[in-house]
Amino acid sequence: MPTPDAPSSLRNLGPRMDQMLREVGIDTVADLRALGAEEAWHRLRFRFGRRVTRVALYALDGALTDRDWRYLPEDRLAILKTLKG
């Protein structure tokens, strides 16, 4: 079970994402909120390459907005789809 301040305490994120986020300096939910989904995803892509897919970006964004990543609003998805990684 994740600690209350671990990113995996949020929806969409699990222990593997916790580990990966720690490797890029994101240890807590507060760290993730301070950076935002986009910057966190860019850091993950820089460190892990294409193993970190766009779905990870959607999962991070959904985690920060407390919604299932599959149901992000279309306008938000349109913005996220424009990001280069």
PDB file of N, CA and C in Angstrom:
ATOM      1  N   MET A   1       0.846  -1.181   0.000  1.00  0.00           N
ATOM      2  CA  MET A   1       0.000   0.000   0.000  1.00  0.00           C
ATOM      3  C   MET A   1       0.897   1.253   0.000  1.00  0.00           C
ATOM      4  N   PRO A   2       0.589   2.214  -0.866  1.00  0.00           N
ATOM      5  CA  PRO A   2       1.438   3.408  -0.936  1.00  0.00           C
ATOM      6  C   PRO A   2       1.279   4.295   0.298  1.00  0.00           C
ATOM      7  N   THR A   3       2.334   5.031   0.592  1.00  0.00           N
ATOM      8  CA  THR A   3       2.222   6.015   1.668  1.00  0.00           C
ATOM      9  C   THR A   3       1.314   7.139   1.180  1.00  0.00           C
ATOM     10  N   PRO A   4       0.705   7.880   2.106  1.00  0.00           N
ATOM     11  CA  PRO A   4      -0.250   8.918   1.697  1.00  0.00           C
ATOM     12  C   PRO A   4       0.349  10.001   0.803  1.00  0.00           C
ATOM     13  N   ASP A   5       1.655  10.216   0.878  1.00  0.00           N
ATOM     14  CA  ASP A   5       2.243  11.279   0.065  1.00  0.00           C
ATOM     15  C   ASP A   5       2.939  10.750  -1.189  1.00  0.00           C
ATOM     16  N   ALA A   6       2.862   9.432  -1.430  1.00  0.00           N
ATOM     17  CA  ALA A   6       3.462   8.853  -2.636  1.00  0.00           C
ATOM     18  C   ALA A   6       2.570   9.144  -3.840  1.00  0.00           C
ATOM     19  N   PRO A   7       3.151   9.417  -5.003  1.00  0.00           N
ATOM     20  CA  PRO A   7       2.321   9.638  -6.191  1.00  0.00           C
ATOM     21  C   PRO A   7       1.339   8.496  -6.459  1.00  0.00           C
ATOM     22  N   SER A   8       1.713   7.271  -6.118  1.00  0.00           N
ATOM     23  CA  SER A   8       0.804   6.145  -6.363  1.00  0.00           C
ATOM     24  C   SER A   8      -0.426   6.156  -5.458  1.00  0.00           C
ATOM     25  N   SER A   9      -0.493   7.085  -4.528  1.00  0.00           N
ATOM     26  CA  SER A   9      -1.721   7.242  -3.747  1.00  0.00           C
ATOM     27  C   SER A   9      -2.807   7.919  -4.584  1.00  0.00           C
ATOM     28  N   LEU A  10      -2.413   8.455  -5.743  1.00  0.00           N
ATOM     29  CA  LEU A  10      -3.354   9.098  -6.651  1.00  0.00           C
ATOM     30  C   LEU A  10      -3.907   8.082  -7.649  1.00  0.00           C
ATOM     31  N   ARG A  11      -5.059   8.401  -8.185  1.00  0.00           N
ATOM     32  CA  ARG A  11      -5.690   7.579  -9.220  1.00  0.00           C
ATOM     33  C   ARG A  11      -4.746   7.421 -10.416  1.00  0.00           C
ATOM     34  N   ASN A  12      -4.769   6.297 -11.062  1.00  0.00           N
ATOM     35  CA  ASN A  12      -4.032   5.975 -12.295  1.00  0.00           C
ATOM     36  C   ASN A  12      -2.571   5.590 -12.090  1.00  0.00           C
ATOM     37  N   LEU A  13      -1.993   5.862 -10.932  1.00  0.00           N
ATOM     38  CA  LEU A  13      -0.561   5.643 -10.742  1.00  0.00           C
ATOM     39  C   LEU A  13      -0.318   4.477  -9.797  1.00  0.00           C
ATOM     40  N   GLY A  14       0.692   3.678 -10.123  1.00  0.00           N
ATOM     41  CA  GLY A  14       1.011   2.511  -9.304  1.00  0.00           C
ATOM     42  C   GLY A  14       2.446   2.537  -8.823  1.00  0.00           C
ATOM     43  N   PRO A  15       2.882   1.441  -8.212  1.00  0.00           N
ATOM     44  CA  PRO A  15       4.221   1.378  -7.632  1.00  0.00           C
ATOM     45  C   PRO A  15       5.336   1.563  -8.666  1.00  0.00           C
ATOM     46  N   ARG A  16       5.155   1.052  -9.859  1.00  0.00           N
ATOM     47  CA  ARG A  16       6.189   1.228 -10.892  1.00  0.00           C
ATOM     48  C   ARG A  16       6.346   2.701 -11.238  1.00  0.00           C
ATOM     49  N   MET A  17       5.244   3.419 -11.337  1.00  0.00           N
ATOM     50  CA  MET A  17       5.324   4.858 -11.621  1.00  0.00           C
ATOM     51  C   MET A  17       5.987   5.584 -10.463  1.00  0.00           C
ATOM     52  N   ASP A  18       5.707   5.174  -9.220  1.00  0.00           N
ATOM     53  CA  ASP A  18       6.404   5.755  -8.063  1.00  0.00           C
ATOM     54  C   ASP A  18       7.915   5.632  -8.233  1.00  0.00           C
ATOM     55  N   GLN A  19       8.350   4.437  -8.579  1.00  0.00           N
ATOM     56  CA  GLN A  19       9.773   4.180  -8.735  1.00  0.00           C
ATOM     57  C   GLN A  19      10.366   5.053  -9.842  1.00  0.00           C
ATOM     58  N   MET A  20       9.700   5.117 -10.961  1.00  0.00           N
ATOM     59  CA  MET A  20      10.198   5.906 -12.083  1.00  0.00           C
ATOM     60  C   MET A  20      10.228   7.399 -11.723  1.00  0.00           C
ATOM     61  N   LEU A  21       9.184   7.870 -11.066  1.00  0.00           N
ATOM     62  CA  LEU A  21       9.135   9.285 -10.675  1.00  0.00           C
ATOM     63  C   LEU A  21      10.256   9.601  -9.686  1.00  0.00           C
ATOM     64  N   ARG A  22      10.515   8.697  -8.751  1.00  0.00           N
ATOM     65  CA  ARG A  22      11.622   8.921  -7.804  1.00  0.00           C
ATOM     66  C   ARG A  22      12.942   9.069  -8.544  1.00  0.00           C
ATOM     67  N   GLU A  23      13.122   8.296  -9.590  1.00  0.00           N
ATOM     68  CA  GLU A  23      14.371   8.353 -10.353  1.00  0.00           C
ATOM     69  C   GLU A  23      14.569   9.683 -11.069  1.00  0.00           C
ATOM     70  N   VAL A  24      13.504  10.436 -11.234  1.00  0.00           N
ATOM     71  CA  VAL A  24      13.634  11.758 -11.863  1.00  0.00           C
ATOM     72  C   VAL A  24      13.384  12.884 -10.854  1.00  0.00           C
ATOM     73  N   GLY A  25      13.473  12.553  -9.567  1.00  0.00           N
ATOM     74  CA  GLY A  25      13.403  13.570  -8.529  1.00  0.00           C
ATOM     75  C   GLY A  25      12.016  13.976  -8.082  1.00  0.00           C
ATOM     76  N   ILE A  26      11.027  13.160  -8.392  1.00  0.00           N
ATOM     77  CA  ILE A  26       9.646  13.449  -7.982  1.00  0.00           C
ATOM     78  C   ILE A  26       9.267  12.386  -6.959  1.00  0.00           C
ATOM     79  N   ASP A  27       9.325  12.763  -5.680  1.00  0.00           N
ATOM     80  CA  ASP A  27       9.143  11.796  -4.602  1.00  0.00           C
ATOM     81  C   ASP A  27       7.759  11.816  -3.971  1.00  0.00           C
ATOM     82  N   THR A  28       7.062  12.918  -4.071  1.00  0.00           N
ATOM     83  CA  THR A  28       5.785  13.067  -3.371  1.00  0.00           C
ATOM     84  C   THR A  28       4.716  13.626  -4.297  1.00  0.00           C
ATOM     85  N   VAL A  29       3.492  13.547  -3.832  1.00  0.00           N
ATOM     86  CA  VAL A  29       2.368  14.160  -4.556  1.00  0.00           C
ATOM     87  C   VAL A  29       2.620  15.662  -4.693  1.00  0.00           C
ATOM     88  N   ALA A  30       3.138  16.278  -3.645  1.00  0.00           N
ATOM     89  CA  ALA A  30       3.423  17.723  -3.697  1.00  0.00           C
ATOM     90  C   ALA A  30       4.444  18.036  -4.789  1.00  0.00           C
ATOM     91  N   ASP A  31       5.476  17.201  -4.921  1.00  0.00           N
ATOM     92  CA  ASP A  31       6.462  17.389  -5.994  1.00  0.00           C
ATOM     93  C   ASP A  31       5.779  17.315  -7.354  1.00  0.00           C
ATOM     94  N   LEU A  32       4.927  16.308  -7.523  1.00  0.00           N
ATOM     95  CA  LEU A  32       4.225  16.125  -8.797  1.00  0.00           C
ATOM     96  C   LEU A  32       3.302  17.299  -9.086  1.00  0.00           C
ATOM     97  N   ARG A  33       2.574  17.743  -8.089  1.00  0.00           N
ATOM     98  CA  ARG A  33       1.673  18.893  -8.284  1.00  0.00           C
ATOM     99  C   ARG A  33       2.462  20.158  -8.642  1.00  0.00           C
ATOM    100  N   ALA A  34       3.604  20.349  -7.992  1.00  0.00           N
ATOM    101  CA  ALA A  34       4.417  21.541  -8.252  1.00  0.00           C
ATOM    102  C   ALA A  34       4.930  21.566  -9.691  1.00  0.00           C
ATOM    103  N   LEU A  35       5.286  20.412 -10.218  1.00  0.00           N
ATOM    104  CA  LEU A  35       5.812  20.337 -11.591  1.00  0.00           C
ATOM    105  C   LEU A  35       4.715  20.266 -12.645  1.00  0.00           C
ATOM    106  N   GLY A  36       3.646  19.564 -12.320  1.00  0.00           N
ATOM    107  CA  GLY A  36       2.583  19.341 -13.286  1.00  0.00           C
ATOM    108  C   GLY A  36       2.851  18.104 -14.120  1.00  0.00           C
ATOM    109  N   ALA A  37       1.797  17.612 -14.745  1.00  0.00           N
ATOM    110  CA  ALA A  37       1.875  16.379 -15.531  1.00  0.00           C
ATOM    111  C   ALA A  37       2.832  16.512 -16.702  1.00  0.00           C
ATOM    112  N   GLU A  38       2.815  17.652 -17.375  1.00  0.00           N
ATOM    113  CA  GLU A  38       3.631  17.806 -18.575  1.00  0.00           C
ATOM    114  C   GLU A  38       5.124  17.757 -18.258  1.00  0.00           C
ATOM    115  N   GLU A  39       5.551  18.507 -17.260  1.00  0.00           N
ATOM    116  CA  GLU A  39       6.976  18.515 -16.905  1.00  0.00           C
ATOM    117  C   GLU A  39       7.405  17.159 -16.367  1.00  0.00           C
ATOM    118  N   ALA A  40       6.551  16.526 -15.566  1.00  0.00           N
ATOM    119  CA  ALA A  40       6.878  15.195 -15.055  1.00  0.00           C
ATOM    120  C   ALA A  40       7.056  14.223 -16.215  1.00  0.00           C
ATOM    121  N   TRP A  41       6.170  14.278 -17.193  1.00  0.00           N
ATOM    122  CA  TRP A  41       6.263  13.391 -18.361  1.00  0.00           C
ATOM    123  C   TRP A  41       7.539  13.660 -19.153  1.00  0.00           C
ATOM    124  N   HIS A  42       7.871  14.929 -19.333  1.00  0.00           N
ATOM    125  CA  HIS A  42       9.108  15.260 -20.054  1.00  0.00           C
ATOM    126  C   HIS A  42      10.330  14.686 -19.331  1.00  0.00           C
ATOM    127  N   ARG A  43      10.351  14.791 -18.019  1.00  0.00           N
ATOM    128  CA  ARG A  43      11.468  14.228 -17.252  1.00  0.00           C
ATOM    129  C   ARG A  43      11.536  12.708 -17.404  1.00  0.00           C
ATOM    130  N   LEU A  44      10.363  12.067 -17.346  1.00  0.00           N
ATOM    131  CA  LEU A  44      10.327  10.618 -17.514  1.00  0.00           C
ATOM    132  C   LEU A  44      10.796  10.212 -18.908  1.00  0.00           C
ATOM    133  N   ARG A  45      10.352  10.944 -19.920  1.00  0.00           N
ATOM    134  CA  ARG A  45      10.759  10.631 -21.302  1.00  0.00           C
ATOM    135  C   ARG A  45      12.266  10.826 -21.482  1.00  0.00           C
ATOM    136  N   PHE A  46      12.809  11.865 -20.866  1.00  0.00           N
ATOM    137  CA  PHE A  46      14.246  12.110 -20.967  1.00  0.00           C
ATOM    138  C   PHE A  46      15.028  10.960 -20.338  1.00  0.00           C
ATOM    139  N   ARG A  47      14.568  10.498 -19.201  1.00  0.00           N
ATOM    140  CA  ARG A  47      15.274   9.436 -18.465  1.00  0.00           C
ATOM    141  C   ARG A  47      15.036   8.051 -19.054  1.00  0.00           C
ATOM    142  N   PHE A  48      13.783   7.742 -19.423  1.00  0.00           N
ATOM    143  CA  PHE A  48      13.433   6.378 -19.815  1.00  0.00           C
ATOM    144  C   PHE A  48      13.133   6.211 -21.303  1.00  0.00           C
ATOM    145  N   GLY A  49      13.132   7.284 -22.042  1.00  0.00           N
ATOM    146  CA  GLY A  49      12.892   7.200 -23.475  1.00  0.00           C
ATOM    147  C   GLY A  49      11.470   6.808 -23.825  1.00  0.00           C
ATOM    148  N   ARG A  50      11.342   6.145 -24.931  1.00  0.00           N
ATOM    149  CA  ARG A  50      10.019   5.816 -25.479  1.00  0.00           C
ATOM    150  C   ARG A  50       9.269   4.763 -24.681  1.00  0.00           C
ATOM    151  N   ARG A  51       9.916   4.197 -23.660  1.00  0.00           N
ATOM    152  CA  ARG A  51       9.182   3.280 -22.770  1.00  0.00           C
ATOM    153  C   ARG A  51       8.064   4.025 -22.055  1.00  0.00           C
ATOM    154  N   VAL A  52       8.227   5.335 -21.908  1.00  0.00           N
ATOM    155  CA  VAL A  52       7.210   6.164 -21.267  1.00  0.00           C
ATOM    156  C   VAL A  52       6.324   6.718 -22.387  1.00  0.00           C
ATOM    157  N   THR A  53       5.155   6.161 -22.499  1.00  0.00           N
ATOM    158  CA  THR A  53       4.259   6.500 -23.602  1.00  0.00           C
ATOM    159  C   THR A  53       3.396   7.720 -23.280  1.00  0.00           C
ATOM    160  N   ARG A  54       2.653   8.124 -24.269  1.00  0.00           N
ATOM    161  CA  ARG A  54       1.719   9.233 -24.085  1.00  0.00           C
ATOM    162  C   ARG A  54       0.637   8.864 -23.067  1.00  0.00           C
ATOM    163  N   VAL A  55       0.322   7.589 -22.956  1.00  0.00           N
ATOM    164  CA  VAL A  55      -0.652   7.151 -21.951  1.00  0.00           C
ATOM    165  C   VAL A  55      -0.170   7.516 -20.553  1.00  0.00           C
ATOM    166  N   ALA A  56       1.137   7.462 -20.327  1.00  0.00           N
ATOM    167  CA  ALA A  56       1.678   7.882 -19.029  1.00  0.00           C
ATOM    168  C   ALA A  56       1.379   9.355 -18.784  1.00  0.00           C
ATOM    169  N   LEU A  57       1.465  10.164 -19.824  1.00  0.00           N
ATOM    170  CA  LEU A  57       1.119  11.582 -19.702  1.00  0.00           C
ATOM    171  C   LEU A  57      -0.344  11.731 -19.316  1.00  0.00           C
ATOM    172  N   TYR A  58      -1.206  10.982 -19.978  1.00  0.00           N
ATOM    173  CA  TYR A  58      -2.637  11.052 -19.662  1.00  0.00           C
ATOM    174  C   TYR A  58      -2.895  10.574 -18.236  1.00  0.00           C
ATOM    175  N   ALA A  59      -2.196   9.526 -17.820  1.00  0.00           N
ATOM    176  CA  ALA A  59      -2.358   9.005 -16.458  1.00  0.00           C
ATOM    177  C   ALA A  59      -1.916  10.034 -15.421  1.00  0.00           C
ATOM    178  N   LEU A  60      -0.796  10.703 -15.682  1.00  0.00           N
ATOM    179  CA  LEU A  60      -0.324  11.747 -14.766  1.00  0.00           C
ATOM    180  C   LEU A  60      -1.320  12.890 -14.689  1.00  0.00           C
ATOM    181  N   ASP A  61      -1.815  13.319 -15.842  1.00  0.00           N
ATOM    182  CA  ASP A  61      -2.783  14.417 -15.854  1.00  0.00           C
ATOM    183  C   ASP A  61      -4.067  14.010 -15.132  1.00  0.00           C
ATOM    184  N   GLY A  62      -4.529  12.802 -15.391  1.00  0.00           N
ATOM    185  CA  GLY A  62      -5.718  12.312 -14.696  1.00  0.00           C
ATOM    186  C   GLY A  62      -5.499  12.196 -13.196  1.00  0.00           C
ATOM    187  N   ALA A  63      -4.301  11.776 -12.804  1.00  0.00           N
ATOM    188  CA  ALA A  63      -3.994  11.668 -11.380  1.00  0.00           C
ATOM    189  C   ALA A  63      -4.114  13.028 -10.698  1.00  0.00           C
ATOM    190  N   LEU A  64      -3.624  14.055 -11.361  1.00  0.00           N
ATOM    191  CA  LEU A  64      -3.649  15.396 -10.769  1.00  0.00           C
ATOM    192  C   LEU A  64      -5.032  16.031 -10.780  1.00  0.00           C
ATOM    193  N   THR A  65      -5.914  15.516 -11.613  1.00  0.00           N
ATOM    194  CA  THR A  65      -7.278  16.051 -11.666  1.00  0.00           C
ATOM    195  C   THR A  65      -8.301  15.071 -11.106  1.00  0.00           C
ATOM    196  N   ASP A  66      -7.797  13.961 -10.528  1.00  0.00           N
ATOM    197  CA  ASP A  66      -8.624  12.925  -9.912  1.00  0.00           C
ATOM    198  C   ASP A  66      -9.686  12.386 -10.865  1.00  0.00           C
ATOM    199  N   ARG A  67      -9.215  12.009 -12.065  1.00  0.00           N
ATOM    200  CA  ARG A  67     -10.138  11.360 -12.996  1.00  0.00           C
ATOM    201  C   ARG A  67      -9.414  10.242 -13.732  1.00  0.00           C
ATOM    202  N   ASP A  68     -10.172   9.267 -14.150  1.00  0.00           N
ATOM    203  CA  ASP A  68      -9.630   8.174 -14.945  1.00  0.00           C
ATOM    204  C   ASP A  68      -9.051   8.761 -16.222  1.00  0.00           C
ATOM    205  N   TRP A  69      -7.829   8.358 -16.566  1.00  0.00           N
ATOM    206  CA  TRP A  69      -7.155   8.943 -17.725  1.00  0.00           C
ATOM    207  C   TRP A  69      -7.938   8.715 -19.011  1.00  0.00           C
ATOM    208  N   ARG A  70      -8.755   7.684 -19.068  1.00  0.00           N
ATOM    209  CA  ARG A  70      -9.528   7.400 -20.282  1.00  0.00           C
ATOM    210  C   ARG A  70     -10.667   8.382 -20.491  1.00  0.00           C
ATOM    211  N   TYR A  71     -10.958   9.184 -19.465  1.00  0.00           N
ATOM    212  CA  TYR A  71     -12.074  10.115 -19.549  1.00  0.00           C
ATOM    213  C   TYR A  71     -11.646  11.566 -19.392  1.00  0.00           C
ATOM    214  N   LEU A  72     -10.429  11.872 -19.812  1.00  0.00           N
ATOM    215  CA  LEU A  72     -10.003  13.275 -19.795  1.00  0.00           C
ATOM    216  C   LEU A  72     -10.849  14.055 -20.784  1.00  0.00           C
ATOM    217  N   PRO A  73     -11.132  15.308 -20.491  1.00  0.00           N
ATOM    218  CA  PRO A  73     -11.928  16.118 -21.417  1.00  0.00           C
ATOM    219  C   PRO A  73     -11.222  16.258 -22.773  1.00  0.00           C
ATOM    220  N   GLU A  74     -12.008  16.296 -23.821  1.00  0.00           N
ATOM    221  CA  GLU A  74     -11.457  16.382 -25.175  1.00  0.00           C
ATOM    222  C   GLU A  74     -10.540  17.585 -25.361  1.00  0.00           C
ATOM    223  N   ASP A  75     -10.897  18.737 -24.774  1.00  0.00           N
ATOM    224  CA  ASP A  75     -10.041  19.916 -24.935  1.00  0.00           C
ATOM    225  C   ASP A  75      -8.692  19.722 -24.254  1.00  0.00           C
ATOM    226  N   ARG A  76      -8.690  19.018 -23.119  1.00  0.00           N
ATOM    227  CA  ARG A  76      -7.412  18.747 -22.441  1.00  0.00           C
ATOM    228  C   ARG A  76      -6.593  17.727 -23.234  1.00  0.00           C
ATOM    229  N   LEU A  77      -7.240  16.709 -23.760  1.00  0.00           N
ATOM    230  CA  LEU A  77      -6.547  15.733 -24.587  1.00  0.00           C
ATOM    231  C   LEU A  77      -5.910  16.396 -25.811  1.00  0.00           C
ATOM    232  N   ALA A  78      -6.622  17.314 -26.395  1.00  0.00           N
ATOM    233  CA  ALA A  78      -6.080  18.020 -27.576  1.00  0.00           C
ATOM    234  C   ALA A  78      -4.792  18.743 -27.232  1.00  0.00           C
ATOM    235  N   ILE A  79      -4.734  19.366 -26.063  1.00  0.00           N
ATOM    236  CA  ILE A  79      -3.520  20.057 -25.624  1.00  0.00           C
ATOM    237  C   ILE A  79      -2.408  19.049 -25.376  1.00  0.00           C
ATOM    238  N   LEU A  80      -2.710  17.981 -24.664  1.00  0.00           N
ATOM    239  CA  LEU A  80      -1.692  16.990 -24.337  1.00  0.00           C
ATOM    240  C   LEU A  80      -1.141  16.310 -25.588  1.00  0.00           C
ATOM    241  N   LYS A  81      -1.976  16.119 -26.585  1.00  0.00           N
ATOM    242  CA  LYS A  81      -1.530  15.472 -27.829  1.00  0.00           C
ATOM    243  C   LYS A  81      -0.543  16.323 -28.616  1.00  0.00           C
ATOM    244  N   THR A  82      -0.496  17.617 -28.337  1.00  0.00           N
ATOM    245  CA  THR A  82       0.435  18.488 -29.068  1.00  0.00           C
ATOM    246  C   THR A  82       1.834  18.475 -28.473  1.00  0.00           C
ATOM    247  N   LEU A  83       1.998  17.921 -27.268  1.00  0.00           N
ATOM    248  CA  LEU A  83       3.305  17.931 -26.606  1.00  0.00           C
ATOM    249  C   LEU A  83       4.290  17.029 -27.335  1.00  0.00           C
ATOM    250  N   LYS A  84       5.482  17.492 -27.454  1.00  0.00           N
ATOM    251  CA  LYS A  84       6.563  16.692 -28.022  1.00  0.00           C
ATOM    252  C   LYS A  84       7.316  16.034 -26.888  1.00  0.00           C
ATOM    253  N   GLY A  85       7.695  14.804 -27.098  1.00  0.00           N
ATOM    254  CA  GLY A  85       8.384  14.115 -26.018  1.00  0.00           C
ATOM    255  C   GLY A  85       9.609  13.394 -26.444  1.00  0.00           C
TER     256      GLY A  85
END
